[in-house]
N, C-alpha and C. Protein backbone atom coordinates (compact mmCIF):
# COMPACT_ATOMS: atom_id res chain seq x y z
N UNK A 1 40.98 73.93 -73.42
CA UNK A 1 41.41 72.56 -73.23
C UNK A 1 40.19 71.63 -73.13
N UNK A 2 39.17 72.04 -72.35
CA UNK A 2 37.98 71.23 -72.20
C UNK A 2 37.24 71.10 -73.53
N UNK A 3 37.24 72.18 -74.30
CA UNK A 3 36.58 72.16 -75.61
C UNK A 3 37.26 71.16 -76.54
N UNK A 4 38.59 71.15 -76.55
CA UNK A 4 39.33 70.19 -77.38
C UNK A 4 39.02 68.76 -76.96
N UNK A 5 38.96 68.53 -75.68
CA UNK A 5 38.67 67.20 -75.16
C UNK A 5 37.27 66.76 -75.59
N UNK A 6 36.29 67.67 -75.50
CA UNK A 6 34.93 67.36 -75.93
C UNK A 6 34.88 67.03 -77.42
N UNK A 7 35.60 67.81 -78.23
CA UNK A 7 35.63 67.58 -79.67
C UNK A 7 36.28 66.24 -79.97
N UNK A 8 37.37 65.96 -79.28
CA UNK A 8 38.08 64.70 -79.47
C UNK A 8 37.19 63.51 -79.08
N UNK A 9 36.50 63.61 -77.96
CA UNK A 9 35.62 62.53 -77.52
C UNK A 9 34.43 62.37 -78.47
N UNK A 10 33.90 63.48 -78.97
CA UNK A 10 32.80 63.40 -79.93
C UNK A 10 33.24 62.73 -81.21
N UNK A 11 34.41 63.08 -81.69
CA UNK A 11 34.95 62.45 -82.90
C UNK A 11 35.18 60.96 -82.69
N UNK A 12 35.69 60.60 -81.53
CA UNK A 12 35.93 59.19 -81.22
C UNK A 12 34.60 58.42 -81.18
N UNK A 13 33.57 59.02 -80.62
CA UNK A 13 32.26 58.37 -80.55
C UNK A 13 31.68 58.16 -81.94
N UNK A 14 31.82 59.15 -82.81
CA UNK A 14 31.31 59.02 -84.18
C UNK A 14 32.08 57.92 -84.93
N UNK A 15 33.40 57.92 -84.79
CA UNK A 15 34.20 56.89 -85.45
C UNK A 15 33.85 55.50 -84.93
N UNK A 16 33.65 55.37 -83.64
CA UNK A 16 33.30 54.07 -83.06
C UNK A 16 31.95 53.60 -83.57
N UNK A 17 30.98 54.51 -83.69
CA UNK A 17 29.65 54.15 -84.19
C UNK A 17 29.71 53.69 -85.63
N UNK A 18 30.59 54.29 -86.42
CA UNK A 18 30.72 53.90 -87.83
C UNK A 18 31.55 52.63 -87.95
N UNK A 19 32.59 52.50 -87.17
CA UNK A 19 33.54 51.40 -87.29
C UNK A 19 33.03 50.12 -86.64
N UNK A 20 32.35 50.20 -85.49
CA UNK A 20 31.95 49.02 -84.73
C UNK A 20 31.06 48.07 -85.52
N UNK A 21 30.03 48.51 -86.24
CA UNK A 21 29.21 47.56 -86.98
C UNK A 21 30.01 46.76 -88.00
N UNK A 22 31.03 47.36 -88.61
CA UNK A 22 31.82 46.62 -89.59
C UNK A 22 32.64 45.52 -88.93
N UNK A 23 32.98 45.69 -87.65
CA UNK A 23 33.69 44.63 -86.93
C UNK A 23 32.79 43.44 -86.68
N UNK A 24 31.51 43.67 -86.54
CA UNK A 24 30.57 42.61 -86.18
C UNK A 24 29.93 41.94 -87.39
N UNK A 25 30.19 42.45 -88.59
CA UNK A 25 29.57 41.87 -89.76
C UNK A 25 30.03 40.44 -89.93
N UNK A 26 29.09 39.57 -90.15
CA UNK A 26 29.40 38.17 -90.35
C UNK A 26 29.66 37.92 -91.83
N UNK A 27 30.48 36.95 -92.12
CA UNK A 27 30.80 36.61 -93.49
C UNK A 27 29.71 35.74 -94.10
N UNK A 28 28.86 35.14 -93.29
CA UNK A 28 27.78 34.29 -93.79
C UNK A 28 27.89 32.88 -93.24
N UNK A 29 26.76 32.24 -93.16
CA UNK A 29 26.71 30.88 -92.64
C UNK A 29 27.26 29.92 -93.68
N UNK A 30 27.94 28.89 -93.21
CA UNK A 30 28.43 27.86 -94.11
C UNK A 30 28.12 26.49 -93.51
N UNK A 31 27.70 25.57 -94.37
CA UNK A 31 27.46 24.20 -93.94
C UNK A 31 28.82 23.54 -93.73
N UNK A 32 28.97 22.84 -92.62
CA UNK A 32 30.25 22.20 -92.32
C UNK A 32 30.03 20.76 -91.90
N UNK A 33 31.04 19.99 -92.07
CA UNK A 33 31.05 18.60 -91.58
C UNK A 33 32.21 18.50 -90.60
N UNK A 34 31.92 18.81 -89.37
CA UNK A 34 32.94 18.78 -88.32
C UNK A 34 32.40 18.01 -87.12
N UNK A 35 33.32 17.48 -86.36
CA UNK A 35 32.94 16.82 -85.10
C UNK A 35 32.71 17.92 -84.08
N UNK A 36 31.47 18.08 -83.64
CA UNK A 36 31.14 19.16 -82.71
C UNK A 36 31.25 18.73 -81.26
N UNK A 37 31.69 17.51 -81.01
CA UNK A 37 31.74 17.03 -79.63
C UNK A 37 32.75 17.80 -78.79
N UNK A 38 33.78 18.37 -79.39
CA UNK A 38 34.78 19.11 -78.63
C UNK A 38 34.45 20.57 -78.43
N UNK A 39 33.37 21.03 -79.02
CA UNK A 39 32.99 22.44 -78.91
C UNK A 39 32.15 22.66 -77.66
N UNK A 40 32.21 23.87 -77.12
CA UNK A 40 31.45 24.21 -75.92
C UNK A 40 29.97 24.35 -76.24
N UNK A 41 29.15 23.53 -75.62
CA UNK A 41 27.71 23.62 -75.81
C UNK A 41 27.16 24.77 -74.97
N UNK A 42 26.36 25.63 -75.59
CA UNK A 42 25.81 26.78 -74.90
C UNK A 42 24.35 26.56 -74.56
N UNK A 43 23.58 26.07 -75.53
CA UNK A 43 22.15 25.85 -75.32
C UNK A 43 21.66 24.78 -76.30
N UNK A 44 20.58 24.11 -75.90
CA UNK A 44 20.01 23.12 -76.80
C UNK A 44 18.56 22.86 -76.42
N UNK A 45 17.81 22.39 -77.39
CA UNK A 45 16.47 21.86 -77.13
C UNK A 45 16.34 20.60 -77.98
N UNK A 46 15.15 20.15 -78.24
CA UNK A 46 14.97 18.89 -78.96
C UNK A 46 15.49 18.92 -80.39
N UNK A 47 15.39 20.06 -81.08
CA UNK A 47 15.74 20.14 -82.49
C UNK A 47 17.03 20.89 -82.80
N UNK A 48 17.54 21.69 -81.85
CA UNK A 48 18.66 22.59 -82.13
C UNK A 48 19.67 22.56 -80.99
N UNK A 49 20.94 22.65 -81.37
CA UNK A 49 22.00 22.82 -80.38
C UNK A 49 22.91 23.96 -80.84
N UNK A 50 23.23 24.85 -79.91
CA UNK A 50 24.11 25.98 -80.20
C UNK A 50 25.42 25.74 -79.47
N UNK A 51 26.52 25.80 -80.22
CA UNK A 51 27.85 25.60 -79.66
C UNK A 51 28.75 26.75 -80.10
N UNK A 52 29.82 26.97 -79.36
CA UNK A 52 30.79 28.00 -79.74
C UNK A 52 32.18 27.40 -79.81
N UNK A 53 32.97 27.96 -80.70
CA UNK A 53 34.39 27.66 -80.80
C UNK A 53 35.08 29.00 -81.00
N UNK A 54 36.38 29.07 -80.88
CA UNK A 54 37.05 30.36 -81.05
C UNK A 54 36.72 30.98 -82.42
N UNK A 55 36.04 32.12 -82.38
CA UNK A 55 35.71 32.85 -83.60
C UNK A 55 34.49 32.37 -84.36
N UNK A 56 33.75 31.39 -83.82
CA UNK A 56 32.60 30.85 -84.54
C UNK A 56 31.46 30.50 -83.59
N UNK A 57 30.25 30.55 -84.13
CA UNK A 57 29.09 29.94 -83.48
C UNK A 57 28.68 28.81 -84.41
N UNK A 58 28.39 27.66 -83.84
CA UNK A 58 28.02 26.47 -84.60
C UNK A 58 26.62 26.06 -84.18
N UNK A 59 25.75 25.82 -85.16
CA UNK A 59 24.38 25.40 -84.90
C UNK A 59 24.17 24.04 -85.53
N UNK A 60 23.71 23.10 -84.72
CA UNK A 60 23.37 21.76 -85.21
C UNK A 60 21.85 21.66 -85.12
N UNK A 61 21.21 21.45 -86.28
CA UNK A 61 19.74 21.41 -86.32
C UNK A 61 19.27 20.15 -87.01
N UNK A 62 18.20 19.55 -86.48
CA UNK A 62 17.64 18.35 -87.08
C UNK A 62 16.69 18.67 -88.23
N UNK A 63 16.29 19.93 -88.31
CA UNK A 63 15.44 20.39 -89.42
C UNK A 63 15.80 21.84 -89.72
N UNK A 64 15.28 22.37 -90.81
CA UNK A 64 15.60 23.75 -91.17
C UNK A 64 15.05 24.69 -90.09
N UNK A 65 15.86 25.72 -89.74
CA UNK A 65 15.49 26.64 -88.66
C UNK A 65 15.78 28.08 -89.05
N UNK A 66 15.00 28.99 -88.51
CA UNK A 66 15.23 30.43 -88.66
C UNK A 66 16.13 30.86 -87.51
N UNK A 67 17.23 31.53 -87.82
CA UNK A 67 18.17 31.96 -86.79
C UNK A 67 18.46 33.44 -86.95
N UNK A 68 18.62 34.11 -85.81
CA UNK A 68 19.02 35.52 -85.79
C UNK A 68 20.15 35.66 -84.78
N UNK A 69 21.16 36.42 -85.18
CA UNK A 69 22.30 36.71 -84.30
C UNK A 69 22.36 38.23 -84.16
N UNK A 70 22.44 38.69 -82.91
CA UNK A 70 22.48 40.13 -82.60
C UNK A 70 23.74 40.45 -81.82
N UNK A 71 24.23 41.68 -81.97
CA UNK A 71 25.28 42.15 -81.07
C UNK A 71 24.63 42.38 -79.72
N UNK A 72 25.43 42.58 -78.71
CA UNK A 72 24.91 42.84 -77.38
C UNK A 72 24.15 44.17 -77.35
N UNK A 73 24.40 45.04 -78.35
CA UNK A 73 23.69 46.31 -78.45
C UNK A 73 22.40 46.20 -79.26
N UNK A 74 22.10 45.01 -79.76
CA UNK A 74 20.84 44.80 -80.48
C UNK A 74 20.91 44.91 -81.98
N UNK A 75 22.09 45.14 -82.56
CA UNK A 75 22.23 45.21 -84.01
C UNK A 75 22.19 43.81 -84.60
N UNK A 76 21.45 43.64 -85.69
CA UNK A 76 21.35 42.33 -86.34
C UNK A 76 22.65 42.04 -87.09
N UNK A 77 23.27 40.92 -86.76
CA UNK A 77 24.48 40.47 -87.43
C UNK A 77 24.11 39.51 -88.55
N UNK A 78 23.14 38.63 -88.28
CA UNK A 78 22.71 37.66 -89.27
C UNK A 78 21.26 37.28 -89.01
N UNK A 79 20.51 37.12 -90.09
CA UNK A 79 19.14 36.64 -90.02
C UNK A 79 18.93 35.73 -91.21
N UNK A 80 18.90 34.42 -90.98
CA UNK A 80 18.88 33.45 -92.07
C UNK A 80 18.02 32.24 -91.70
N UNK A 81 17.69 31.47 -92.69
CA UNK A 81 17.10 30.15 -92.49
C UNK A 81 18.17 29.13 -92.80
N UNK A 82 18.52 28.33 -91.81
CA UNK A 82 19.57 27.33 -91.98
C UNK A 82 18.94 25.98 -92.31
N UNK A 83 19.59 25.21 -93.19
CA UNK A 83 19.10 23.87 -93.47
C UNK A 83 19.43 22.91 -92.33
N UNK A 84 18.83 21.74 -92.34
CA UNK A 84 19.17 20.72 -91.35
C UNK A 84 20.65 20.38 -91.50
N UNK A 85 21.28 20.08 -90.37
CA UNK A 85 22.70 19.75 -90.38
C UNK A 85 23.49 20.69 -89.50
N UNK A 86 24.79 20.78 -89.76
CA UNK A 86 25.68 21.62 -88.97
C UNK A 86 26.08 22.83 -89.79
N UNK A 87 25.88 24.01 -89.21
CA UNK A 87 26.24 25.27 -89.88
C UNK A 87 27.10 26.09 -88.95
N UNK A 88 27.99 26.89 -89.55
CA UNK A 88 28.93 27.68 -88.77
C UNK A 88 28.94 29.11 -89.28
N UNK A 89 29.06 30.06 -88.35
CA UNK A 89 29.15 31.48 -88.68
C UNK A 89 30.38 32.05 -88.01
N UNK A 90 31.24 32.69 -88.80
CA UNK A 90 32.43 33.33 -88.24
C UNK A 90 32.04 34.68 -87.67
N UNK A 91 32.49 34.96 -86.44
CA UNK A 91 32.18 36.21 -85.76
C UNK A 91 33.45 36.82 -85.18
N UNK A 92 33.44 38.13 -85.06
CA UNK A 92 34.52 38.83 -84.37
C UNK A 92 34.40 38.58 -82.87
N UNK A 93 35.49 38.77 -82.17
CA UNK A 93 35.50 38.61 -80.72
C UNK A 93 34.43 39.51 -80.09
N UNK A 94 33.62 38.94 -79.20
CA UNK A 94 32.60 39.74 -78.55
C UNK A 94 31.49 38.89 -77.95
N UNK A 95 30.45 39.55 -77.51
CA UNK A 95 29.28 38.91 -76.91
C UNK A 95 28.10 39.11 -77.84
N UNK A 96 27.34 38.04 -78.08
CA UNK A 96 26.23 38.08 -79.02
C UNK A 96 25.01 37.40 -78.41
N UNK A 97 23.85 37.71 -78.96
CA UNK A 97 22.60 37.05 -78.61
C UNK A 97 22.20 36.22 -79.82
N UNK A 98 21.91 34.94 -79.59
CA UNK A 98 21.50 34.03 -80.67
C UNK A 98 20.08 33.59 -80.38
N UNK A 99 19.21 33.72 -81.39
CA UNK A 99 17.81 33.32 -81.25
C UNK A 99 17.49 32.33 -82.36
N UNK A 100 17.10 31.12 -81.95
CA UNK A 100 16.70 30.07 -82.89
C UNK A 100 15.33 29.57 -82.43
N UNK A 101 14.29 29.93 -83.16
CA UNK A 101 12.94 29.55 -82.74
C UNK A 101 12.65 30.13 -81.37
N UNK A 102 12.27 29.27 -80.41
CA UNK A 102 11.99 29.71 -79.04
C UNK A 102 13.23 29.72 -78.15
N UNK A 103 14.34 29.25 -78.68
CA UNK A 103 15.58 29.16 -77.91
C UNK A 103 16.41 30.44 -78.11
N UNK A 104 16.73 31.12 -77.00
CA UNK A 104 17.54 32.33 -77.04
C UNK A 104 18.66 32.19 -76.02
N UNK A 105 19.88 32.55 -76.43
CA UNK A 105 21.00 32.47 -75.49
C UNK A 105 22.02 33.55 -75.79
N UNK A 106 22.87 33.80 -74.81
CA UNK A 106 23.97 34.75 -74.94
C UNK A 106 25.24 33.95 -75.12
N UNK A 107 26.07 34.33 -76.11
CA UNK A 107 27.32 33.64 -76.33
C UNK A 107 28.47 34.62 -76.28
N UNK A 108 29.64 34.12 -75.93
CA UNK A 108 30.86 34.91 -75.97
C UNK A 108 31.82 34.20 -76.93
N UNK A 109 32.25 34.94 -77.92
CA UNK A 109 33.15 34.36 -78.94
C UNK A 109 34.52 34.94 -78.74
């Protein structure tokens, strides 16, 4: 019985390791023209503001910026250079780390 349980748990761990990254894959950043005033502001500095909405992270930048989004386990979800303006990335439900230049924050989507 214990052997079966160990095998079952091992199989579940392997499936989770294979399946979990596909849940976190982002579809890609898109430029948007939306009113961001109603979105929850998470972090900001002089050039960048990071906001969240259900299922999305929104970045408002005054100039082009390098951005990286990681899962809470450290897997890279997105690494891109965004143009000036408002950009949005669709994400699965979860907790992520967003790094834009010197600004780093944790978000919950």
